[in-house]
Amino acid sequence: MMNHANPLDRRLRLSGFLLILGLLTEAVCLFWARPISFLVLMGVGGLFLILGIVIYLVSLVSLRHSSKSDGS
């Protein structure tokens, strides 16, 4: 694996990993027929999805902000 990836690549990979982990968690919960599965689906799966989306959006905003300051 490349250790010299720029910060944007690392953030996007982390975001993608969290999104995939959240979707896998929710997919497993769909086949789990227990009352606790809804809590796991919303708590763990939802948390991973929200974190992945937030990290993605923050990385886009920070990229736009850094490119503005570099161009001036």
PDB file of N, CA and C in Angstrom:
ATOM      1  N   MET A   1       0.837  -1.173   0.000  1.00  0.00           N
ATOM      2  CA  MET A   1       0.000   0.000   0.000  1.00  0.00           C
ATOM      3  C   MET A   1       0.883   1.238   0.000  1.00  0.00           C
ATOM      4  N   MET A   2       0.421   2.282  -0.658  1.00  0.00           N
ATOM      5  CA  MET A   2       1.224   3.495  -0.772  1.00  0.00           C
ATOM      6  C   MET A   2       1.163   4.309   0.522  1.00  0.00           C
ATOM      7  N   ASN A   3       2.313   4.617   1.059  1.00  0.00           N
ATOM      8  CA  ASN A   3       2.382   5.460   2.249  1.00  0.00           C
ATOM      9  C   ASN A   3       2.496   6.927   1.884  1.00  0.00           C
ATOM     10  N   HIS A   4       2.742   7.235   0.613  1.00  0.00           N
ATOM     11  CA  HIS A   4       2.973   8.607   0.190  1.00  0.00           C
ATOM     12  C   HIS A   4       1.725   9.244  -0.417  1.00  0.00           C
ATOM     13  N   ALA A   5       0.556   8.720  -0.098  1.00  0.00           N
ATOM     14  CA  ALA A   5      -0.680   9.281  -0.635  1.00  0.00           C
ATOM     15  C   ALA A   5      -0.944  10.642   0.003  1.00  0.00           C
ATOM     16  N   ASN A   6      -1.495  11.542  -0.788  1.00  0.00           N
ATOM     17  CA  ASN A   6      -1.773  12.865  -0.240  1.00  0.00           C
ATOM     18  C   ASN A   6      -2.956  12.794   0.729  1.00  0.00           C
ATOM     19  N   PRO A   7      -3.163  13.817   1.542  1.00  0.00           N
ATOM     20  CA  PRO A   7      -4.217  13.774   2.563  1.00  0.00           C
ATOM     21  C   PRO A   7      -5.621  13.578   1.988  1.00  0.00           C
ATOM     22  N   LEU A   8      -5.879  14.113   0.797  1.00  0.00           N
ATOM     23  CA  LEU A   8      -7.197  13.943   0.199  1.00  0.00           C
ATOM     24  C   LEU A   8      -7.463  12.474  -0.114  1.00  0.00           C
ATOM     25  N   ASP A   9      -6.471  11.785  -0.671  1.00  0.00           N
ATOM     26  CA  ASP A   9      -6.637  10.363  -0.979  1.00  0.00           C
ATOM     27  C   ASP A   9      -6.889   9.550   0.282  1.00  0.00           C
ATOM     28  N   ARG A  10      -6.161   9.856   1.337  1.00  0.00           N
ATOM     29  CA  ARG A  10      -6.364   9.122   2.592  1.00  0.00           C
ATOM     30  C   ARG A  10      -7.747   9.365   3.160  1.00  0.00           C
ATOM     31  N   ARG A  11      -8.220  10.610   3.108  1.00  0.00           N
ATOM     32  CA  ARG A  11      -9.566  10.913   3.620  1.00  0.00           C
ATOM     33  C   ARG A  11     -10.640  10.236   2.792  1.00  0.00           C
ATOM     34  N   LEU A  12     -10.462  10.237   1.477  1.00  0.00           N
ATOM     35  CA  LEU A  12     -11.459   9.600   0.619  1.00  0.00           C
ATOM     36  C   LEU A  12     -11.475   8.086   0.809  1.00  0.00           C
ATOM     37  N   ARG A  13     -10.313   7.499   1.007  1.00  0.00           N
ATOM     38  CA  ARG A  13     -10.268   6.054   1.275  1.00  0.00           C
ATOM     39  C   ARG A  13     -10.920   5.724   2.613  1.00  0.00           C
ATOM     40  N   LEU A  14     -10.662   6.544   3.622  1.00  0.00           N
ATOM     41  CA  LEU A  14     -11.294   6.335   4.919  1.00  0.00           C
ATOM     42  C   LEU A  14     -12.803   6.486   4.808  1.00  0.00           C
ATOM     43  N   SER A  15     -13.236   7.483   4.075  1.00  0.00           N
ATOM     44  CA  SER A  15     -14.664   7.704   3.872  1.00  0.00           C
ATOM     45  C   SER A  15     -15.305   6.513   3.168  1.00  0.00           C
ATOM     46  N   GLY A  16     -14.678   6.031   2.121  1.00  0.00           N
ATOM     47  CA  GLY A  16     -15.198   4.878   1.407  1.00  0.00           C
ATOM     48  C   GLY A  16     -15.228   3.625   2.267  1.00  0.00           C
ATOM     49  N   PHE A  17     -14.186   3.439   3.070  1.00  0.00           N
ATOM     50  CA  PHE A  17     -14.142   2.282   3.964  1.00  0.00           C
ATOM     51  C   PHE A  17     -15.277   2.339   4.985  1.00  0.00           C
ATOM     52  N   LEU A  18     -15.521   3.519   5.560  1.00  0.00           N
ATOM     53  CA  LEU A  18     -16.597   3.653   6.538  1.00  0.00           C
ATOM     54  C   LEU A  18     -17.964   3.438   5.901  1.00  0.00           C
ATOM     55  N   LEU A  19     -18.141   3.929   4.678  1.00  0.00           N
ATOM     56  CA  LEU A  19     -19.410   3.717   3.984  1.00  0.00           C
ATOM     57  C   LEU A  19     -19.646   2.240   3.691  1.00  0.00           C
ATOM     58  N   ILE A  20     -18.616   1.554   3.231  1.00  0.00           N
ATOM     59  CA  ILE A  20     -18.752   0.117   2.950  1.00  0.00           C
ATOM     60  C   ILE A  20     -19.017  -0.654   4.234  1.00  0.00           C
ATOM     61  N   LEU A  21     -18.321  -0.288   5.300  1.00  0.00           N
ATOM     62  CA  LEU A  21     -18.535  -0.959   6.583  1.00  0.00           C
ATOM     63  C   LEU A  21     -19.957  -0.739   7.098  1.00  0.00           C
ATOM     64  N   GLY A  22     -20.464   0.468   6.940  1.00  0.00           N
ATOM     65  CA  GLY A  22     -21.840   0.752   7.348  1.00  0.00           C
ATOM     66  C   GLY A  22     -22.851  -0.028   6.535  1.00  0.00           C
ATOM     67  N   LEU A  23     -22.647  -0.102   5.225  1.00  0.00           N
ATOM     68  CA  LEU A  23     -23.569  -0.856   4.379  1.00  0.00           C
ATOM     69  C   LEU A  23     -23.521  -2.348   4.670  1.00  0.00           C
ATOM     70  N   LEU A  24     -22.336  -2.867   4.929  1.00  0.00           N
ATOM     71  CA  LEU A  24     -22.228  -4.289   5.288  1.00  0.00           C
ATOM     72  C   LEU A  24     -22.904  -4.582   6.622  1.00  0.00           C
ATOM     73  N   THR A  25     -22.743  -3.679   7.576  1.00  0.00           N
ATOM     74  CA  THR A  25     -23.397  -3.845   8.871  1.00  0.00           C
ATOM     75  C   THR A  25     -24.913  -3.863   8.707  1.00  0.00           C
ATOM     76  N   GLU A  26     -25.431  -2.956   7.895  1.00  0.00           N
ATOM     77  CA  GLU A  26     -26.871  -2.908   7.683  1.00  0.00           C
ATOM     78  C   GLU A  26     -27.359  -4.122   6.907  1.00  0.00           C
ATOM     79  N   ALA A  27     -26.565  -4.627   5.974  1.00  0.00           N
ATOM     80  CA  ALA A  27     -26.954  -5.823   5.231  1.00  0.00           C
ATOM     81  C   ALA A  27     -27.023  -7.043   6.148  1.00  0.00           C
ATOM     82  N   VAL A  28     -26.070  -7.156   7.074  1.00  0.00           N
ATOM     83  CA  VAL A  28     -26.092  -8.271   8.024  1.00  0.00           C
ATOM     84  C   VAL A  28     -27.305  -8.171   8.933  1.00  0.00           C
ATOM     85  N   CYS A  29     -27.645  -6.958   9.341  1.00  0.00           N
ATOM     86  CA  CYS A  29     -28.786  -6.767  10.237  1.00  0.00           C
ATOM     87  C   CYS A  29     -30.119  -7.100   9.566  1.00  0.00           C
ATOM     88  N   LEU A  30     -30.188  -6.999   8.252  1.00  0.00           N
ATOM     89  CA  LEU A  30     -31.420  -7.338   7.555  1.00  0.00           C
ATOM     90  C   LEU A  30     -31.725  -8.833   7.651  1.00  0.00           C
ATOM     91  N   PHE A  31     -30.696  -9.654   7.768  1.00  0.00           N
ATOM     92  CA  PHE A  31     -30.891 -11.096   7.868  1.00  0.00           C
ATOM     93  C   PHE A  31     -30.943 -11.593   9.313  1.00  0.00           C
ATOM     94  N   TRP A  32     -30.766 -10.712  10.263  1.00  0.00           N
ATOM     95  CA  TRP A  32     -30.729 -11.056  11.678  1.00  0.00           C
ATOM     96  C   TRP A  32     -32.099 -10.756  12.262  1.00  0.00           C
ATOM     97  N   ALA A  33     -32.837 -11.769  12.640  1.00  0.00           N
ATOM     98  CA  ALA A  33     -34.224 -11.612  13.072  1.00  0.00           C
ATOM     99  C   ALA A  33     -34.328 -11.498  14.596  1.00  0.00           C
ATOM    100  N   ARG A  34     -33.765 -10.466  15.146  1.00  0.00           N
ATOM    101  CA  ARG A  34     -33.835 -10.191  16.587  1.00  0.00           C
ATOM    102  C   ARG A  34     -34.221  -8.732  16.776  1.00  0.00           C
ATOM    103  N   PRO A  35     -34.830  -8.398  17.894  1.00  0.00           N
ATOM    104  CA  PRO A  35     -35.163  -6.994  18.139  1.00  0.00           C
ATOM    105  C   PRO A  35     -33.934  -6.095  18.246  1.00  0.00           C
ATOM    106  N   ILE A  36     -32.827  -6.632  18.708  1.00  0.00           N
ATOM    107  CA  ILE A  36     -31.611  -5.828  18.855  1.00  0.00           C
ATOM    108  C   ILE A  36     -31.019  -5.469  17.494  1.00  0.00           C
ATOM    109  N   SER A  37     -31.404  -6.193  16.452  1.00  0.00           N
ATOM    110  CA  SER A  37     -30.835  -5.914  15.133  1.00  0.00           C
ATOM    111  C   SER A  37     -31.205  -4.519  14.643  1.00  0.00           C
ATOM    112  N   PHE A  38     -32.385  -4.029  15.003  1.00  0.00           N
ATOM    113  CA  PHE A  38     -32.751  -2.673  14.598  1.00  0.00           C
ATOM    114  C   PHE A  38     -31.851  -1.651  15.272  1.00  0.00           C
ATOM    115  N   LEU A  39     -31.531  -1.878  16.526  1.00  0.00           N
ATOM    116  CA  LEU A  39     -30.643  -0.953  17.235  1.00  0.00           C
ATOM    117  C   LEU A  39     -29.236  -0.981  16.655  1.00  0.00           C
ATOM    118  N   VAL A  40     -28.771  -2.158  16.295  1.00  0.00           N
ATOM    119  CA  VAL A  40     -27.451  -2.268  15.676  1.00  0.00           C
ATOM    120  C   VAL A  40     -27.475  -1.612  14.303  1.00  0.00           C
ATOM    121  N   LEU A  41     -28.567  -1.840  13.552  1.00  0.00           N
ATOM    122  CA  LEU A  41     -28.688  -1.250  12.227  1.00  0.00           C
ATOM    123  C   LEU A  41     -28.639   0.266  12.313  1.00  0.00           C
ATOM    124  N   MET A  42     -29.396   0.848  13.200  1.00  0.00           N
ATOM    125  CA  MET A  42     -29.450   2.304  13.301  1.00  0.00           C
ATOM    126  C   MET A  42     -28.235   2.869  14.037  1.00  0.00           C
ATOM    127  N   GLY A  43     -27.774   2.187  15.067  1.00  0.00           N
ATOM    128  CA  GLY A  43     -26.664   2.700  15.865  1.00  0.00           C
ATOM    129  C   GLY A  43     -25.316   2.545  15.182  1.00  0.00           C
ATOM    130  N   VAL A  44     -24.939   1.335  14.912  1.00  0.00           N
ATOM    131  CA  VAL A  44     -23.609   1.063  14.362  1.00  0.00           C
ATOM    132  C   VAL A  44     -23.567   1.361  12.864  1.00  0.00           C
ATOM    133  N   GLY A  45     -24.506   0.793  12.114  1.00  0.00           N
ATOM    134  CA  GLY A  45     -24.517   1.008  10.673  1.00  0.00           C
ATOM    135  C   GLY A  45     -24.739   2.468  10.314  1.00  0.00           C
ATOM    136  N   GLY A  46     -25.688   3.103  10.982  1.00  0.00           N
ATOM    137  CA  GLY A  46     -25.957   4.510  10.735  1.00  0.00           C
ATOM    138  C   GLY A  46     -24.787   5.393  11.109  1.00  0.00           C
ATOM    139  N   LEU A  47     -24.120   5.069  12.200  1.00  0.00           N
ATOM    140  CA  LEU A  47     -22.957   5.845  12.622  1.00  0.00           C
ATOM    141  C   LEU A  47     -21.835   5.769  11.594  1.00  0.00           C
ATOM    142  N   PHE A  48     -21.562   4.566  11.084  1.00  0.00           N
ATOM    143  CA  PHE A  48     -20.529   4.423  10.058  1.00  0.00           C
ATOM    144  C   PHE A  48     -20.894   5.192   8.787  1.00  0.00           C
ATOM    145  N   LEU A  49     -22.164   5.122   8.397  1.00  0.00           N
ATOM    146  CA  LEU A  49     -22.588   5.841   7.194  1.00  0.00           C
ATOM    147  C   LEU A  49     -22.481   7.353   7.378  1.00  0.00           C
ATOM    148  N   ILE A  50     -22.934   7.853   8.497  1.00  0.00           N
ATOM    149  CA  ILE A  50     -22.875   9.292   8.750  1.00  0.00           C
ATOM    150  C   ILE A  50     -21.429   9.764   8.839  1.00  0.00           C
ATOM    151  N   LEU A  51     -20.575   9.006   9.519  1.00  0.00           N
ATOM    152  CA  LEU A  51     -19.163   9.382   9.596  1.00  0.00           C
ATOM    153  C   LEU A  51     -18.504   9.385   8.221  1.00  0.00           C
ATOM    154  N   GLY A  52     -18.833   8.400   7.394  1.00  0.00           N
ATOM    155  CA  GLY A  52     -18.274   8.357   6.050  1.00  0.00           C
ATOM    156  C   GLY A  52     -18.710   9.546   5.214  1.00  0.00           C
ATOM    157  N   ILE A  53     -19.973   9.918   5.312  1.00  0.00           N
ATOM    158  CA  ILE A  53     -20.476  11.061   4.555  1.00  0.00           C
ATOM    159  C   ILE A  53     -19.854  12.356   5.059  1.00  0.00           C
ATOM    160  N   VAL A  54     -19.753  12.508   6.381  1.00  0.00           N
ATOM    161  CA  VAL A  54     -19.176  13.732   6.947  1.00  0.00           C
ATOM    162  C   VAL A  54     -17.700  13.869   6.568  1.00  0.00           C
ATOM    163  N   ILE A  55     -16.942  12.793   6.647  1.00  0.00           N
ATOM    164  CA  ILE A  55     -15.524  12.849   6.285  1.00  0.00           C
ATOM    165  C   ILE A  55     -15.374  13.185   4.801  1.00  0.00           C
ATOM    166  N   TYR A  56     -16.240  12.626   3.967  1.00  0.00           N
ATOM    167  CA  TYR A  56     -16.201  12.935   2.535  1.00  0.00           C
ATOM    168  C   TYR A  56     -16.468  14.420   2.289  1.00  0.00           C
ATOM    169  N   LEU A  57     -17.509  14.950   2.914  1.00  0.00           N
ATOM    170  CA  LEU A  57     -17.845  16.352   2.698  1.00  0.00           C
ATOM    171  C   LEU A  57     -16.784  17.296   3.262  1.00  0.00           C
ATOM    172  N   VAL A  58     -16.244  16.961   4.415  1.00  0.00           N
ATOM    173  CA  VAL A  58     -15.190  17.804   4.999  1.00  0.00           C
ATOM    174  C   VAL A  58     -13.947  17.781   4.122  1.00  0.00           C
ATOM    175  N   SER A  59     -13.627  16.633   3.550  1.00  0.00           N
ATOM    176  CA  SER A  59     -12.453  16.568   2.681  1.00  0.00           C
ATOM    177  C   SER A  59     -12.662  17.403   1.423  1.00  0.00           C
ATOM    178  N   LEU A  60     -13.880  17.436   0.899  1.00  0.00           N
ATOM    179  CA  LEU A  60     -14.150  18.273  -0.271  1.00  0.00           C
ATOM    180  C   LEU A  60     -14.063  19.749   0.066  1.00  0.00           C
ATOM    181  N   VAL A  61     -14.583  20.141   1.216  1.00  0.00           N
ATOM    182  CA  VAL A  61     -14.545  21.547   1.615  1.00  0.00           C
ATOM    183  C   VAL A  61     -13.112  21.976   1.897  1.00  0.00           C
ATOM    184  N   SER A  62     -12.344  21.140   2.547  1.00  0.00           N
ATOM    185  CA  SER A  62     -10.963  21.506   2.847  1.00  0.00           C
ATOM    186  C   SER A  62     -10.131  21.561   1.567  1.00  0.00           C
ATOM    187  N   LEU A  63     -10.439  20.742   0.586  1.00  0.00           N
ATOM    188  CA  LEU A  63      -9.739  20.786  -0.701  1.00  0.00           C
ATOM    189  C   LEU A  63     -10.046  22.096  -1.402  1.00  0.00           C
ATOM    190  N   ARG A  64     -11.287  22.483  -1.401  1.00  0.00           N
ATOM    191  CA  ARG A  64     -11.677  23.738  -2.059  1.00  0.00           C
ATOM    192  C   ARG A  64     -11.053  24.939  -1.355  1.00  0.00           C
ATOM    193  N   HIS A  65     -11.024  24.878  -0.028  1.00  0.00           N
ATOM    194  CA  HIS A  65     -10.445  25.983   0.747  1.00  0.00           C
ATOM    195  C   HIS A  65      -8.927  26.073   0.510  1.00  0.00           C
ATOM    196  N   SER A  66      -8.251  24.944   0.469  1.00  0.00           N
ATOM    197  CA  SER A  66      -6.801  24.980   0.285  1.00  0.00           C
ATOM    198  C   SER A  66      -6.440  25.393  -1.143  1.00  0.00           C
ATOM    199  N   SER A  67      -7.257  25.040  -2.132  1.00  0.00           N
ATOM    200  CA  SER A  67      -6.940  25.438  -3.502  1.00  0.00           C
ATOM    201  C   SER A  67      -7.158  26.935  -3.703  1.00  0.00           C
ATOM    202  N   LYS A  68      -8.098  27.538  -2.976  1.00  0.00           N
ATOM    203  CA  LYS A  68      -8.302  28.984  -3.048  1.00  0.00           C
ATOM    204  C   LYS A  68      -7.106  29.732  -2.485  1.00  0.00           C
ATOM    205  N   SER A  69      -6.601  29.266  -1.356  1.00  0.00           N
ATOM    206  CA  SER A  69      -5.474  29.963  -0.717  1.00  0.00           C
ATOM    207  C   SER A  69      -4.182  29.769  -1.499  1.00  0.00           C
ATOM    208  N   ASP A  70      -4.023  28.646  -2.214  1.00  0.00           N
ATOM    209  CA  ASP A  70      -2.822  28.417  -3.012  1.00  0.00           C
ATOM    210  C   ASP A  70      -2.813  29.253  -4.285  1.00  0.00           C
ATOM    211  N   GLY A  71      -3.995  29.530  -4.844  1.00  0.00           N
ATOM    212  CA  GLY A  71      -4.072  30.261  -6.101  1.00  0.00           C
ATOM    213  C   GLY A  71      -3.855  31.756  -5.946  1.00  0.00           C
ATOM    214  N   SER A  72      -4.008  32.308  -4.766  1.00  0.00           N
ATOM    215  CA  SER A  72      -3.873  33.765  -4.581  1.00  0.00           C
ATOM    216  C   SER A  72      -2.465  34.205  -4.416  1.00  0.00           C
TER     217      SER A  72
END
